[in-house]
Protein backbone atom coordinates (compact mmCIF):
# COMPACT_ATOMS: atom_id res chain seq x y z
CA MET A 1 5.41 14.20 172.85
CA ASP A 2 4.76 15.17 176.46
CA ASN A 3 2.73 13.03 178.86
CA GLN A 4 -0.43 15.10 178.56
CA ALA A 5 -0.41 14.90 174.75
CA TYR A 6 0.36 11.18 174.90
CA ILE A 7 -2.57 10.50 177.24
CA LYS A 8 -4.88 12.62 175.11
CA ASP A 9 -3.83 10.64 172.04
CA ILE A 10 -4.51 7.33 173.78
CA CYS A 11 -7.94 8.55 174.89
CA GLU A 12 -8.84 9.63 171.37
CA GLN A 13 -7.72 6.29 169.95
CA SER A 14 -9.78 4.49 172.61
CA ARG A 15 -12.86 6.51 171.73
CA ASP A 16 -12.42 5.75 168.03
CA SER A 17 -11.87 2.06 168.74
CA SER A 18 -14.94 1.85 170.96
CA ARG A 19 -17.09 3.12 168.09
CA ILE A 20 -15.76 0.39 165.83
CA ILE A 21 -16.11 -2.36 168.45
CA ALA A 22 -19.68 -1.30 169.23
CA ASN A 23 -20.67 -2.37 165.72
CA LEU A 24 -19.06 -5.82 165.85
CA SER A 25 -20.98 -9.04 166.38
CA THR A 26 -20.87 -10.81 169.73
CA MET A 27 -18.65 -13.50 168.24
CA GLU A 28 -16.18 -10.91 166.96
CA LYS A 29 -16.11 -9.17 170.36
CA ASN A 30 -15.56 -12.50 172.12
CA ASN A 31 -12.71 -13.34 169.74
CA ILE A 32 -11.07 -9.99 170.57
CA LEU A 33 -11.38 -10.74 174.30
CA LEU A 34 -9.88 -14.21 173.85
CA THR A 35 -7.02 -12.71 171.87
CA ILE A 36 -6.37 -10.18 174.64
CA ALA A 37 -6.28 -13.00 177.22
CA THR A 38 -3.83 -14.99 175.09
CA VAL A 39 -1.58 -11.98 174.54
CA LEU A 40 -1.53 -11.31 178.28
CA LYS A 41 -0.48 -14.86 179.05
CA ASN A 42 2.06 -15.06 176.22
CA ASN A 43 3.70 -11.79 177.24
CA SER A 44 3.61 -12.18 181.01
CA ASP A 45 7.43 -12.25 181.34
CA TYR A 46 7.73 -8.94 179.50
CA ILE A 47 4.81 -7.42 181.42
CA ILE A 48 6.37 -8.43 184.74
CA SER A 49 9.80 -7.07 183.80
CA GLU A 50 8.27 -3.72 182.80
CA ASN A 51 6.15 -3.73 185.96
CA GLU A 52 9.35 -4.05 188.01
CA LYS A 53 10.35 -0.62 186.68
CA ASP A 54 7.00 0.80 187.80
CA ILE A 55 7.41 -0.75 191.25
CA LYS A 56 10.89 0.72 191.60
CA ALA A 57 9.59 4.17 190.61
CA ALA A 58 6.71 3.82 193.07
CA GLU A 59 9.11 2.94 195.86
CA GLU A 60 11.34 5.91 194.99
CA ALA A 61 8.24 8.13 195.09
CA ASN A 62 7.51 6.81 198.60
CA LEU A 63 4.12 5.35 197.73
CA THR A 64 2.54 3.31 200.50
CA LYS A 65 2.99 -0.45 200.59
CA ALA A 66 -0.72 -0.80 199.85
CA MET A 67 -0.41 1.32 196.69
CA ILE A 68 2.68 -0.58 195.58
CA ASP A 69 0.85 -3.87 196.12
CA ARG A 70 -1.96 -2.63 193.86
CA LEU A 71 0.63 -1.92 191.16
CA LEU A 72 2.44 -5.24 191.52
CA LEU A 73 1.89 -7.73 188.73
CA THR A 74 2.80 -11.36 189.23
CA GLU A 75 2.33 -14.44 187.09
CA ASP A 76 -0.72 -15.34 189.20
CA ARG A 77 -2.25 -11.89 188.87
CA ILE A 78 -1.74 -11.82 185.11
CA ASN A 79 -3.20 -15.32 184.77
CA GLY A 80 -6.14 -14.18 186.90
CA MET A 81 -6.74 -11.23 184.60
CA ALA A 82 -6.56 -13.49 181.55
CA GLN A 83 -8.95 -15.99 183.15
CA SER A 84 -11.44 -13.24 183.99
CA ILE A 85 -11.32 -11.98 180.42
CA GLU A 86 -11.88 -15.51 179.11
CA GLU A 87 -14.90 -15.88 181.40
CA ILE A 88 -16.41 -12.69 180.02
CA ALA A 89 -15.93 -14.01 176.46
């Protein structure tokens, strides 16, 4: 599957999922958000190791330091994302 087809598939799945989530109760939606936060925290080592590949590719593509910084994921950034998600829930 090429990149364009892959992205299209992800978008279609997202649309379908949003229709399902729209019909859930607030408690169910909050539980989903809390699960997402937990998964982020529990998989931070893997996320960071995969992010290192993205950073390397960005450097090889001569992206600016500012753009690379926006891509960079650290333990603190991941924990911050998880905390923000928990606050929403």
